N, C-alpha and C. Protein backbone atom coordinates (compact mmCIF):
# COMPACT_ATOMS: atom_id res chain seq x y z
N MET A 1 0.84 -1.19 0.00
CA MET A 1 0.00 0.00 0.00
C MET A 1 0.88 1.25 0.00
N GLU A 2 0.42 2.30 -0.66
CA GLU A 2 1.16 3.54 -0.77
C GLU A 2 1.37 4.20 0.60
N GLU A 3 2.57 4.74 0.81
CA GLU A 3 2.88 5.49 2.03
C GLU A 3 2.77 6.98 1.72
N ILE A 4 2.19 7.73 2.66
CA ILE A 4 1.99 9.16 2.49
C ILE A 4 2.62 9.88 3.67
N ARG A 5 3.51 10.83 3.42
CA ARG A 5 4.07 11.67 4.48
C ARG A 5 2.98 12.69 4.81
N SER A 6 2.57 12.75 6.06
CA SER A 6 1.39 13.56 6.35
C SER A 6 1.47 14.27 7.71
N PHE A 7 0.57 15.24 7.86
CA PHE A 7 0.44 15.98 9.11
C PHE A 7 -0.98 16.54 9.18
N ILE A 8 -1.35 16.99 10.37
CA ILE A 8 -2.66 17.60 10.59
C ILE A 8 -2.43 19.07 10.88
N ALA A 9 -3.20 19.94 10.23
CA ALA A 9 -2.93 21.37 10.34
C ALA A 9 -4.20 22.19 10.16
N VAL A 10 -4.06 23.47 10.44
CA VAL A 10 -5.09 24.44 10.10
C VAL A 10 -4.46 25.42 9.10
N ALA A 11 -5.27 25.91 8.20
CA ALA A 11 -4.80 26.81 7.14
C ALA A 11 -4.90 28.27 7.58
N LEU A 12 -4.11 29.10 6.94
CA LEU A 12 -4.13 30.54 7.20
C LEU A 12 -4.75 31.26 6.02
N PRO A 13 -5.54 32.30 6.28
CA PRO A 13 -6.09 33.06 5.15
C PRO A 13 -4.98 33.81 4.40
N PRO A 14 -5.20 34.09 3.12
CA PRO A 14 -4.17 34.74 2.31
C PRO A 14 -3.67 36.06 2.89
N GLU A 15 -4.54 36.86 3.49
CA GLU A 15 -4.09 38.16 4.02
C GLU A 15 -3.11 37.98 5.18
N ILE A 16 -3.26 36.93 5.96
CA ILE A 16 -2.32 36.66 7.06
C ILE A 16 -1.00 36.15 6.48
N ARG A 17 -1.07 35.28 5.49
CA ARG A 17 0.16 34.81 4.85
C ARG A 17 0.93 35.98 4.22
N ASP A 18 0.21 36.96 3.65
CA ASP A 18 0.86 38.15 3.07
C ASP A 18 1.58 38.95 4.14
N LYS A 19 0.96 39.12 5.31
CA LYS A 19 1.61 39.86 6.40
C LYS A 19 2.85 39.12 6.89
N LEU A 20 2.77 37.82 6.97
CA LEU A 20 3.93 37.03 7.40
C LEU A 20 5.06 37.12 6.37
N ALA A 21 4.71 37.19 5.08
CA ALA A 21 5.72 37.34 4.03
C ALA A 21 6.45 38.67 4.19
N LEU A 22 5.75 39.71 4.60
CA LEU A 22 6.39 41.01 4.83
C LEU A 22 7.39 40.92 5.98
N ILE A 23 7.04 40.21 7.03
CA ILE A 23 7.95 40.03 8.16
C ILE A 23 9.18 39.25 7.71
N GLN A 24 8.95 38.19 6.94
CA GLN A 24 10.09 37.42 6.41
C GLN A 24 11.01 38.32 5.60
N GLY A 25 10.42 39.18 4.78
CA GLY A 25 11.21 40.09 3.95
C GLY A 25 12.06 41.03 4.79
N ARG A 26 11.50 41.55 5.87
CA ARG A 26 12.26 42.44 6.76
C ARG A 26 13.42 41.69 7.39
N LEU A 27 13.18 40.46 7.83
CA LEU A 27 14.25 39.69 8.46
C LEU A 27 15.31 39.28 7.43
N ARG A 28 14.86 38.88 6.27
CA ARG A 28 15.78 38.46 5.20
C ARG A 28 16.71 39.62 4.81
N ALA A 29 16.14 40.82 4.72
CA ALA A 29 16.93 41.99 4.33
C ALA A 29 17.93 42.39 5.41
N GLY A 30 17.64 42.02 6.66
CA GLY A 30 18.49 42.46 7.77
C GLY A 30 19.62 41.53 8.13
N THR A 31 19.72 40.37 7.48
CA THR A 31 20.77 39.43 7.87
C THR A 31 21.23 38.57 6.69
N PRO A 32 22.55 38.28 6.64
CA PRO A 32 23.06 37.37 5.62
C PRO A 32 23.05 35.90 6.09
N VAL A 33 22.46 35.62 7.24
CA VAL A 33 22.47 34.27 7.79
C VAL A 33 21.74 33.32 6.83
N PRO A 34 22.33 32.13 6.57
CA PRO A 34 21.65 31.18 5.68
C PRO A 34 20.41 30.57 6.34
N VAL A 35 19.25 31.03 5.89
CA VAL A 35 17.96 30.58 6.43
C VAL A 35 17.12 30.06 5.28
N LYS A 36 16.45 28.94 5.49
CA LYS A 36 15.47 28.42 4.52
C LYS A 36 14.12 28.98 4.96
N TRP A 37 13.67 30.02 4.26
CA TRP A 37 12.40 30.67 4.60
C TRP A 37 11.25 29.84 4.03
N VAL A 38 10.20 29.69 4.80
CA VAL A 38 9.02 28.96 4.36
C VAL A 38 8.31 29.81 3.30
N GLU A 39 7.94 29.20 2.19
CA GLU A 39 7.20 29.92 1.15
C GLU A 39 5.88 30.42 1.75
N PRO A 40 5.53 31.68 1.54
CA PRO A 40 4.30 32.22 2.13
C PRO A 40 3.05 31.38 1.84
N GLY A 41 2.94 30.84 0.63
CA GLY A 41 1.79 30.02 0.30
C GLY A 41 1.74 28.71 1.06
N SER A 42 2.85 28.32 1.65
CA SER A 42 2.92 27.06 2.39
C SER A 42 2.77 27.25 3.90
N LEU A 43 2.68 28.50 4.36
CA LEU A 43 2.57 28.75 5.80
C LEU A 43 1.27 28.16 6.35
N HIS A 44 1.38 27.46 7.45
CA HIS A 44 0.23 26.81 8.08
C HIS A 44 0.56 26.58 9.56
N LEU A 45 -0.41 26.15 10.31
CA LEU A 45 -0.21 25.83 11.72
C LEU A 45 -0.34 24.32 11.89
N THR A 46 0.77 23.65 12.16
CA THR A 46 0.76 22.19 12.33
C THR A 46 0.24 21.85 13.72
N LEU A 47 -0.74 20.95 13.77
CA LEU A 47 -1.26 20.46 15.04
C LEU A 47 -0.62 19.13 15.42
N LYS A 48 -0.28 18.32 14.40
CA LYS A 48 0.33 17.01 14.67
C LYS A 48 1.02 16.52 13.41
N PHE A 49 2.32 16.22 13.52
CA PHE A 49 3.04 15.60 12.41
C PHE A 49 2.88 14.10 12.55
N LEU A 50 2.42 13.44 11.50
CA LEU A 50 2.15 12.01 11.54
C LEU A 50 3.28 11.18 10.95
N GLY A 51 4.06 11.76 10.05
CA GLY A 51 5.10 10.99 9.37
C GLY A 51 4.50 10.20 8.24
N ASN A 52 5.13 9.09 7.88
CA ASN A 52 4.63 8.25 6.78
C ASN A 52 3.50 7.36 7.29
N ILE A 53 2.38 7.45 6.60
CA ILE A 53 1.20 6.65 6.95
C ILE A 53 0.77 5.83 5.73
N SER A 54 0.04 4.79 5.97
CA SER A 54 -0.56 4.02 4.89
C SER A 54 -1.72 4.82 4.31
N ALA A 55 -1.83 4.86 2.99
CA ALA A 55 -2.93 5.59 2.34
C ALA A 55 -4.28 5.08 2.82
N GLY A 56 -4.36 3.80 3.17
CA GLY A 56 -5.62 3.23 3.65
C GLY A 56 -6.03 3.71 5.02
N LEU A 57 -5.16 4.43 5.71
CA LEU A 57 -5.46 4.91 7.06
C LEU A 57 -6.08 6.30 7.08
N THR A 58 -6.14 6.97 5.93
CA THR A 58 -6.59 8.36 5.91
C THR A 58 -8.03 8.52 6.41
N GLY A 59 -8.91 7.58 6.08
CA GLY A 59 -10.30 7.67 6.55
C GLY A 59 -10.40 7.58 8.06
N ARG A 60 -9.63 6.69 8.65
CA ARG A 60 -9.66 6.54 10.11
C ARG A 60 -9.04 7.76 10.80
N ILE A 61 -8.01 8.34 10.19
CA ILE A 61 -7.41 9.56 10.76
C ILE A 61 -8.41 10.71 10.68
N THR A 62 -9.09 10.83 9.55
CA THR A 62 -10.11 11.89 9.41
C THR A 62 -11.21 11.71 10.45
N ALA A 63 -11.62 10.47 10.70
CA ALA A 63 -12.63 10.20 11.73
C ALA A 63 -12.11 10.61 13.12
N ALA A 64 -10.82 10.37 13.38
CA ALA A 64 -10.23 10.77 14.66
C ALA A 64 -10.20 12.29 14.79
N ILE A 65 -9.91 12.97 13.69
CA ILE A 65 -9.94 14.44 13.71
C ILE A 65 -11.36 14.90 14.03
N GLY A 66 -12.36 14.26 13.41
CA GLY A 66 -13.76 14.60 13.68
C GLY A 66 -14.13 14.37 15.13
N GLN A 67 -13.63 13.29 15.70
CA GLN A 67 -13.90 13.00 17.12
C GLN A 67 -13.28 14.10 18.00
N ALA A 68 -12.06 14.51 17.71
CA ALA A 68 -11.39 15.54 18.50
C ALA A 68 -12.07 16.90 18.34
N ALA A 69 -12.61 17.17 17.16
CA ALA A 69 -13.21 18.48 16.87
C ALA A 69 -14.69 18.57 17.22
N ARG A 70 -15.28 17.45 17.62
CA ARG A 70 -16.72 17.43 17.90
C ARG A 70 -17.09 18.50 18.92
N GLY A 71 -18.05 19.34 18.55
CA GLY A 71 -18.53 20.39 19.45
C GLY A 71 -17.66 21.63 19.52
N GLU A 72 -16.54 21.64 18.82
CA GLU A 72 -15.63 22.79 18.85
C GLU A 72 -16.11 23.85 17.86
N LEU A 73 -16.29 25.06 18.36
CA LEU A 73 -16.68 26.18 17.50
C LEU A 73 -15.43 26.74 16.82
N PRO A 74 -15.61 27.52 15.74
CA PRO A 74 -14.44 28.12 15.08
C PRO A 74 -13.61 28.93 16.09
N LEU A 75 -12.32 28.95 15.85
CA LEU A 75 -11.37 29.64 16.73
C LEU A 75 -10.99 30.98 16.12
N LYS A 76 -10.92 32.00 16.97
CA LYS A 76 -10.47 33.31 16.52
C LYS A 76 -9.03 33.50 17.02
N LEU A 77 -8.10 33.61 16.08
CA LEU A 77 -6.69 33.74 16.41
C LEU A 77 -6.12 35.02 15.81
N GLY A 78 -4.98 35.43 16.32
CA GLY A 78 -4.24 36.55 15.78
C GLY A 78 -2.77 36.21 15.76
N ILE A 79 -1.99 36.93 14.95
CA ILE A 79 -0.54 36.74 14.95
C ILE A 79 0.04 37.74 15.94
N ASP A 80 1.03 37.27 16.72
CA ASP A 80 1.46 38.07 17.86
C ASP A 80 2.92 37.81 18.21
N GLY A 81 3.81 38.66 17.75
CA GLY A 81 5.19 38.63 18.19
C GLY A 81 6.07 37.61 17.49
N LEU A 82 7.35 37.94 17.41
CA LEU A 82 8.36 37.07 16.81
C LEU A 82 9.13 36.36 17.90
N GLY A 83 9.63 35.16 17.59
CA GLY A 83 10.46 34.43 18.53
C GLY A 83 11.35 33.46 17.80
N VAL A 84 12.17 32.76 18.57
CA VAL A 84 13.09 31.77 18.02
C VAL A 84 13.12 30.53 18.91
N PHE A 85 13.45 29.41 18.30
CA PHE A 85 13.74 28.17 19.03
C PHE A 85 15.19 27.82 18.76
N PRO A 86 15.97 27.23 19.64
CA PRO A 86 15.64 27.03 21.04
C PRO A 86 15.90 28.26 21.90
N ASN A 87 16.84 29.14 21.44
CA ASN A 87 17.11 30.36 22.20
C ASN A 87 17.82 31.37 21.29
N PRO A 88 17.86 32.65 21.70
CA PRO A 88 18.44 33.70 20.82
C PRO A 88 19.93 33.55 20.55
N ARG A 89 20.66 32.78 21.35
CA ARG A 89 22.09 32.60 21.12
C ARG A 89 22.39 31.50 20.11
N HIS A 90 21.43 30.60 19.92
CA HIS A 90 21.64 29.47 19.00
C HIS A 90 20.34 29.22 18.22
N VAL A 91 19.99 30.16 17.36
CA VAL A 91 18.72 30.10 16.64
C VAL A 91 18.71 28.94 15.65
N GLN A 92 17.63 28.17 15.70
CA GLN A 92 17.41 27.12 14.70
C GLN A 92 16.14 27.39 13.91
N VAL A 93 15.12 27.98 14.59
CA VAL A 93 13.83 28.25 13.96
C VAL A 93 13.39 29.67 14.32
N VAL A 94 12.88 30.39 13.32
CA VAL A 94 12.26 31.70 13.54
C VAL A 94 10.76 31.52 13.40
N TRP A 95 10.00 32.05 14.36
CA TRP A 95 8.55 31.82 14.36
C TRP A 95 7.78 33.08 14.76
N VAL A 96 6.48 33.03 14.48
CA VAL A 96 5.53 34.05 14.92
C VAL A 96 4.55 33.37 15.87
N GLY A 97 4.27 34.03 16.98
CA GLY A 97 3.34 33.49 17.96
C GLY A 97 1.90 33.79 17.60
N LEU A 98 1.00 33.26 18.41
CA LEU A 98 -0.44 33.43 18.18
C LEU A 98 -1.10 34.00 19.42
N SER A 99 -2.19 34.69 19.21
CA SER A 99 -3.00 35.22 20.31
C SER A 99 -4.45 34.83 20.05
N GLY A 100 -5.33 35.18 20.96
CA GLY A 100 -6.75 34.86 20.79
C GLY A 100 -7.11 33.58 21.50
N ASP A 101 -7.83 32.71 20.80
CA ASP A 101 -8.34 31.46 21.39
C ASP A 101 -7.25 30.38 21.47
N VAL A 102 -6.09 30.75 21.98
CA VAL A 102 -4.95 29.82 22.03
C VAL A 102 -5.23 28.67 22.99
N THR A 103 -5.86 28.95 24.12
CA THR A 103 -6.17 27.89 25.09
C THR A 103 -7.09 26.85 24.46
N ARG A 104 -8.08 27.29 23.72
CA ARG A 104 -8.97 26.35 23.03
C ARG A 104 -8.22 25.57 21.96
N LEU A 105 -7.29 26.23 21.28
CA LEU A 105 -6.47 25.56 20.26
C LEU A 105 -5.62 24.46 20.91
N VAL A 106 -5.01 24.76 22.05
CA VAL A 106 -4.20 23.77 22.77
C VAL A 106 -5.08 22.60 23.21
N ASP A 107 -6.29 22.89 23.69
CA ASP A 107 -7.21 21.83 24.10
C ASP A 107 -7.59 20.94 22.91
N LEU A 108 -7.84 21.56 21.75
CA LEU A 108 -8.16 20.81 20.54
C LEU A 108 -6.99 19.89 20.16
N GLN A 109 -5.78 20.41 20.26
CA GLN A 109 -4.61 19.61 19.91
C GLN A 109 -4.46 18.43 20.88
N LYS A 110 -4.73 18.63 22.16
CA LYS A 110 -4.67 17.53 23.14
C LYS A 110 -5.71 16.46 22.81
N ARG A 111 -6.92 16.88 22.46
CA ARG A 111 -7.96 15.91 22.09
C ARG A 111 -7.55 15.15 20.82
N LEU A 112 -6.88 15.83 19.93
CA LEU A 112 -6.38 15.19 18.71
C LEU A 112 -5.36 14.11 19.06
N GLU A 113 -4.44 14.42 19.95
CA GLU A 113 -3.44 13.43 20.39
C GLU A 113 -4.15 12.19 20.96
N THR A 114 -5.15 12.43 21.80
CA THR A 114 -5.89 11.33 22.43
C THR A 114 -6.63 10.49 21.39
N ALA A 115 -7.28 11.15 20.43
CA ALA A 115 -8.05 10.45 19.41
C ALA A 115 -7.16 9.63 18.47
N LEU A 116 -5.92 10.05 18.28
CA LEU A 116 -5.01 9.36 17.36
C LEU A 116 -4.25 8.21 18.01
N THR A 117 -4.20 8.19 19.34
CA THR A 117 -3.44 7.15 20.04
C THR A 117 -3.90 5.74 19.68
N PRO A 118 -5.23 5.45 19.61
CA PRO A 118 -5.65 4.09 19.24
C PRO A 118 -5.22 3.67 17.82
N LEU A 119 -4.85 4.65 16.99
CA LEU A 119 -4.41 4.34 15.63
C LEU A 119 -2.90 4.11 15.56
N GLY A 120 -2.25 4.15 16.72
CA GLY A 120 -0.82 3.86 16.78
C GLY A 120 0.09 5.07 16.75
N PHE A 121 -0.47 6.27 16.88
CA PHE A 121 0.34 7.49 16.89
C PHE A 121 0.63 7.87 18.34
N ASN A 122 1.90 7.86 18.70
CA ASN A 122 2.28 8.21 20.06
C ASN A 122 2.09 9.70 20.30
N PRO A 123 1.58 10.07 21.47
CA PRO A 123 1.46 11.50 21.79
C PRO A 123 2.83 12.17 21.81
N GLU A 124 2.87 13.40 21.40
CA GLU A 124 4.10 14.19 21.42
C GLU A 124 4.55 14.36 22.86
N ARG A 125 5.82 14.19 23.10
CA ARG A 125 6.35 14.32 24.47
C ARG A 125 6.44 15.78 24.91
N ARG A 126 6.79 16.65 23.97
CA ARG A 126 6.91 18.07 24.30
C ARG A 126 5.53 18.71 24.33
N PRO A 127 5.34 19.69 25.21
CA PRO A 127 4.06 20.39 25.20
C PRO A 127 3.86 21.14 23.88
N PHE A 128 2.62 21.22 23.43
CA PHE A 128 2.29 21.90 22.19
C PHE A 128 2.47 23.40 22.38
N ALA A 129 3.29 24.01 21.53
CA ALA A 129 3.55 25.46 21.57
C ALA A 129 3.07 26.04 20.24
N PRO A 130 1.83 26.53 20.19
CA PRO A 130 1.29 27.02 18.90
C PRO A 130 2.13 28.16 18.33
N HIS A 131 2.61 27.97 17.11
CA HIS A 131 3.42 28.97 16.44
C HIS A 131 3.39 28.72 14.94
N LEU A 132 3.81 29.72 14.19
CA LEU A 132 3.91 29.62 12.74
C LEU A 132 5.37 29.74 12.37
N THR A 133 5.95 28.71 11.82
CA THR A 133 7.37 28.71 11.46
C THR A 133 7.58 29.57 10.22
N LEU A 134 8.45 30.58 10.36
CA LEU A 134 8.79 31.45 9.23
C LEU A 134 10.03 30.95 8.49
N GLY A 135 10.98 30.37 9.23
CA GLY A 135 12.21 29.92 8.60
C GLY A 135 13.02 29.03 9.52
N ARG A 136 13.89 28.22 8.90
CA ARG A 136 14.80 27.33 9.63
C ARG A 136 16.22 27.67 9.22
N VAL A 137 17.07 27.84 10.21
CA VAL A 137 18.48 28.16 9.93
C VAL A 137 19.15 26.92 9.36
N ARG A 138 19.90 27.12 8.29
CA ARG A 138 20.58 26.01 7.63
C ARG A 138 21.77 25.54 8.49
N ASP A 139 22.12 24.28 8.31
CA ASP A 139 23.17 23.65 9.12
C ASP A 139 24.50 24.38 9.05
N GLN A 140 24.82 24.99 7.91
CA GLN A 140 26.14 25.62 7.75
C GLN A 140 26.25 26.96 8.47
N ALA A 141 25.19 27.47 9.07
CA ALA A 141 25.25 28.74 9.80
C ALA A 141 26.20 28.62 10.99
N THR A 142 27.03 29.61 11.17
CA THR A 142 28.00 29.61 12.28
C THR A 142 27.32 30.08 13.57
N PRO A 143 27.91 29.77 14.73
CA PRO A 143 27.35 30.27 15.99
C PRO A 143 27.19 31.79 16.02
N PRO A 144 28.18 32.58 15.55
CA PRO A 144 27.96 34.03 15.54
C PRO A 144 26.80 34.46 14.62
N GLU A 145 26.62 33.77 13.49
CA GLU A 145 25.50 34.09 12.60
C GLU A 145 24.16 33.79 13.29
N ARG A 146 24.10 32.65 13.97
CA ARG A 146 22.86 32.28 14.68
C ARG A 146 22.53 33.32 15.75
N GLN A 147 23.55 33.76 16.48
CA GLN A 147 23.32 34.75 17.53
C GLN A 147 22.91 36.09 16.91
N ALA A 148 23.52 36.47 15.80
CA ALA A 148 23.16 37.72 15.12
C ALA A 148 21.70 37.68 14.68
N LEU A 149 21.24 36.54 14.19
CA LEU A 149 19.84 36.41 13.80
C LEU A 149 18.93 36.54 15.02
N GLY A 150 19.34 35.94 16.14
CA GLY A 150 18.56 36.06 17.37
C GLY A 150 18.43 37.52 17.80
N GLU A 151 19.51 38.27 17.66
CA GLU A 151 19.48 39.70 18.02
C GLU A 151 18.59 40.48 17.07
N LEU A 152 18.64 40.13 15.78
CA LEU A 152 17.78 40.81 14.80
C LEU A 152 16.31 40.54 15.09
N VAL A 153 15.97 39.29 15.38
CA VAL A 153 14.57 38.95 15.70
C VAL A 153 14.12 39.72 16.93
N ALA A 154 14.96 39.78 17.96
CA ALA A 154 14.61 40.50 19.19
C ALA A 154 14.41 42.00 18.93
N ALA A 155 15.18 42.55 17.99
CA ALA A 155 15.11 43.99 17.70
C ALA A 155 14.03 44.34 16.69
N THR A 156 13.47 43.36 16.02
CA THR A 156 12.46 43.62 14.99
C THR A 156 11.10 43.78 15.64
N GLY A 157 10.62 44.99 15.64
CA GLY A 157 9.29 45.24 16.20
C GLY A 157 8.21 44.61 15.34
N PHE A 158 7.23 44.04 16.00
CA PHE A 158 6.15 43.42 15.24
C PHE A 158 4.88 43.49 16.08
N GLU A 159 3.96 44.29 15.64
CA GLU A 159 2.64 44.35 16.27
C GLU A 159 1.61 44.29 15.17
N ASP A 160 0.57 43.52 15.39
CA ASP A 160 -0.46 43.38 14.38
C ASP A 160 -1.78 43.13 15.08
N GLU A 161 -2.79 43.84 14.70
CA GLU A 161 -4.11 43.69 15.30
C GLU A 161 -5.00 42.73 14.53
N SER A 162 -4.46 42.13 13.47
CA SER A 162 -5.27 41.25 12.63
C SER A 162 -5.72 40.02 13.38
N SER A 163 -6.94 39.61 13.11
CA SER A 163 -7.41 38.33 13.64
C SER A 163 -8.02 37.55 12.48
N PHE A 164 -8.12 36.26 12.66
CA PHE A 164 -8.68 35.41 11.62
C PHE A 164 -9.37 34.23 12.27
N LEU A 165 -10.31 33.64 11.52
CA LEU A 165 -11.04 32.49 12.03
C LEU A 165 -10.47 31.19 11.49
N ILE A 166 -10.38 30.22 12.36
CA ILE A 166 -10.02 28.85 11.97
C ILE A 166 -11.32 28.06 12.05
N ASP A 167 -11.81 27.60 10.92
CA ASP A 167 -13.10 26.90 10.92
C ASP A 167 -13.00 25.46 10.40
N ALA A 168 -11.74 24.98 10.19
CA ALA A 168 -11.57 23.61 9.71
C ALA A 168 -10.18 23.11 10.11
N VAL A 169 -10.08 21.80 10.22
CA VAL A 169 -8.82 21.12 10.46
C VAL A 169 -8.59 20.18 9.28
N TYR A 170 -7.36 20.13 8.79
CA TYR A 170 -7.05 19.39 7.57
C TYR A 170 -6.03 18.28 7.81
N LEU A 171 -6.25 17.15 7.15
CA LEU A 171 -5.23 16.13 7.01
C LEU A 171 -4.48 16.47 5.73
N MET A 172 -3.16 16.66 5.86
CA MET A 172 -2.36 17.14 4.74
C MET A 172 -1.32 16.11 4.31
N ARG A 173 -1.03 16.14 3.02
CA ARG A 173 0.08 15.34 2.47
C ARG A 173 1.24 16.29 2.23
N SER A 174 2.45 15.82 2.54
CA SER A 174 3.65 16.61 2.31
C SER A 174 4.58 15.83 1.39
N GLN A 175 4.80 16.36 0.20
CA GLN A 175 5.72 15.75 -0.76
C GLN A 175 6.97 16.61 -0.81
N LEU A 176 8.10 16.03 -0.45
CA LEU A 176 9.36 16.77 -0.43
C LEU A 176 9.97 16.78 -1.82
N THR A 177 10.32 17.99 -2.29
CA THR A 177 10.97 18.14 -3.58
C THR A 177 12.20 19.05 -3.40
N ARG A 178 13.03 19.11 -4.42
CA ARG A 178 14.21 20.00 -4.36
C ARG A 178 13.81 21.47 -4.22
N GLU A 179 12.67 21.82 -4.78
CA GLU A 179 12.21 23.21 -4.73
C GLU A 179 11.52 23.54 -3.41
N GLY A 180 11.27 22.53 -2.61
CA GLY A 180 10.56 22.72 -1.33
C GLY A 180 9.37 21.79 -1.27
N PRO A 181 8.74 21.72 -0.10
CA PRO A 181 7.62 20.79 0.06
C PRO A 181 6.38 21.25 -0.71
N ILE A 182 5.61 20.27 -1.16
CA ILE A 182 4.32 20.54 -1.79
C ILE A 182 3.27 19.95 -0.86
N TYR A 183 2.33 20.80 -0.42
CA TYR A 183 1.29 20.37 0.50
C TYR A 183 -0.04 20.22 -0.24
N THR A 184 -0.72 19.11 0.04
CA THR A 184 -2.02 18.82 -0.57
C THR A 184 -2.99 18.42 0.52
N ARG A 185 -4.20 18.98 0.48
CA ARG A 185 -5.22 18.60 1.45
C ARG A 185 -5.81 17.25 1.06
N LEU A 186 -5.79 16.31 2.02
CA LEU A 186 -6.37 15.00 1.79
C LEU A 186 -7.81 14.93 2.28
N SER A 187 -8.09 15.62 3.40
CA SER A 187 -9.46 15.64 3.94
C SER A 187 -9.58 16.84 4.87
N SER A 188 -10.82 17.17 5.21
CA SER A 188 -11.05 18.29 6.13
C SER A 188 -12.20 17.97 7.07
N VAL A 189 -12.14 18.58 8.24
CA VAL A 189 -13.19 18.49 9.24
C VAL A 189 -13.55 19.91 9.65
N LYS A 190 -14.81 20.27 9.47
CA LYS A 190 -15.27 21.61 9.83
C LYS A 190 -15.47 21.74 11.33
N LEU A 191 -15.20 22.92 11.85
CA LEU A 191 -15.49 23.24 13.25
C LEU A 191 -16.82 23.96 13.29
N GLY A 192 -17.59 23.68 14.33
CA GLY A 192 -18.87 24.38 14.51
C GLY A 192 -20.05 23.64 13.97
């Protein structure tokens, strides 16, 4: 049976992706650090990375998403502040945080973990930290470059009053190519 590299996510509206692209542009212009920036059209919020799954399992995963989302109303979120993982001295990931119904989002993600466990997916050991990944520092970046990027992120002001609704959760396919990943929606579950 065919194997599919997959994850569960929520999509971002185009206007939010456009704002995030502007932030990426400001950071890109401010540093020569080798960073693989996420294509704006590919920006999304991952709730659970599944890895390679059997194509025959997609229906059961979609049912588990439905079980986790049962009774959940649409979520109102906003983009809020820049940050880095793991720390500003050794940046590996540049991200944007979220505001709004974050507690409800975290609860939905926990229910998703629980609903997927009977299908053989182990719960994530780390606590879920809702964020939107803007870029990943490439392996060849030096420690001083990583620290310089951390300082740039800390110095880059970012305030935005935009909010958006999340009204569906998607099972996504991720196909890795030389040009970057290609994401395809396999199924969706509406909230509300």
